[in-house]
Amino acid sequence: MFEKIKICPNCGKKFSCLHSCDCWCTKISISKELSEYLRSRFTDCICEDCLKYFEQNEKNILSDR
C-alpha cells in the first residue's frame, strides 16, 4: 500500500491517504451531489473530519448553494 501524507485544503490538518480501495475515505458514503460539490470546491482529498462534517451537514450545505 502506498500511503501519502496530505494537508487538508479545507482545514489545514495533516492526514494519510492510501490511494486505494483500502483508504478510510471509501468507508464514508456520500451522495453524488455532495461528491460533485466537493470536487468543484477542492482539487485534492480532504481529511476525515472534514469529509464527515460535509456528510453530516450535506442537506444544509447543498441548499445554501
Protein backbone atom coordinates (compact mmCIF):
# COMPACT_ATOMS: atom_id res chain seq x y z
CA MET A 1 0.00 0.00 0.00
CA PHE A 2 1.15 3.46 -0.87
CA GLU A 3 0.46 5.90 1.97
CA LYS A 4 0.83 9.60 1.36
CA ILE A 5 0.64 12.34 3.97
CA LYS A 6 -1.55 15.17 2.72
CA ILE A 7 -2.71 18.50 4.08
CA CYS A 8 -6.45 19.07 4.01
CA PRO A 9 -7.28 22.02 1.74
CA ASN A 10 -10.32 22.77 3.91
CA CYS A 11 -8.85 22.89 7.44
CA GLY A 12 -5.07 22.53 7.03
CA LYS A 13 -4.83 19.31 9.08
CA LYS A 14 -2.33 16.60 8.06
CA PHE A 15 -3.81 13.19 7.22
CA SER A 16 -2.86 9.97 5.49
CA CYS A 17 -4.24 8.85 2.13
CA LEU A 18 -3.79 5.29 0.87
CA HIS A 19 -4.77 5.97 -2.77
CA SER A 20 -6.65 2.67 -2.90
CA CYS A 21 -9.93 0.96 -2.08
CA ASP A 22 -8.48 0.30 1.41
CA CYS A 23 -8.36 4.00 2.28
CA TRP A 24 -10.51 5.27 5.15
CA CYS A 25 -12.45 7.53 2.75
CA THR A 26 -14.02 4.58 0.96
CA LYS A 27 -15.91 3.73 4.14
CA ILE A 28 -17.75 7.07 4.14
CA SER A 29 -20.72 7.06 1.81
CA ILE A 30 -21.70 10.39 0.26
CA SER A 31 -24.26 11.29 -2.38
CA LYS A 32 -23.40 12.02 -5.98
CA GLU A 33 -24.45 15.63 -5.45
CA LEU A 34 -22.14 16.08 -2.47
CA SER A 35 -19.30 14.40 -4.33
CA GLU A 36 -19.75 16.83 -7.23
CA TYR A 37 -19.87 19.77 -4.83
CA LEU A 38 -16.64 18.70 -3.11
CA ARG A 39 -14.88 18.14 -6.46
CA SER A 40 -15.90 21.62 -7.58
CA ARG A 41 -14.56 23.15 -4.38
CA PHE A 42 -11.35 21.15 -3.77
CA THR A 43 -8.65 19.87 -6.10
CA ASP A 44 -7.38 17.20 -3.69
CA CYS A 45 -8.60 14.93 -0.89
CA ILE A 46 -9.93 16.39 2.33
CA CYS A 47 -9.35 14.92 5.80
CA GLU A 48 -11.67 12.50 7.55
CA ASP A 49 -13.02 15.11 9.97
CA CYS A 50 -13.95 17.46 7.13
CA LEU A 51 -15.44 14.69 4.98
CA LYS A 52 -17.58 13.57 7.92
CA TYR A 53 -18.62 17.19 8.55
CA PHE A 54 -19.74 17.60 4.94
CA GLU A 55 -21.52 14.24 5.05
CA GLN A 56 -23.41 15.12 8.25
CA ASN A 57 -24.32 18.61 7.02
CA GLU A 58 -24.98 17.77 3.39
CA LYS A 59 -28.56 18.99 3.32
CA ASN A 60 -27.68 22.44 4.66
CA ILE A 61 -24.54 22.76 2.54
CA LEU A 62 -26.24 21.86 -0.71
CA SER A 63 -29.32 24.01 -0.02
CA ASP A 64 -27.10 27.07 0.56
CA ARG A 65 -25.65 26.89 -2.95
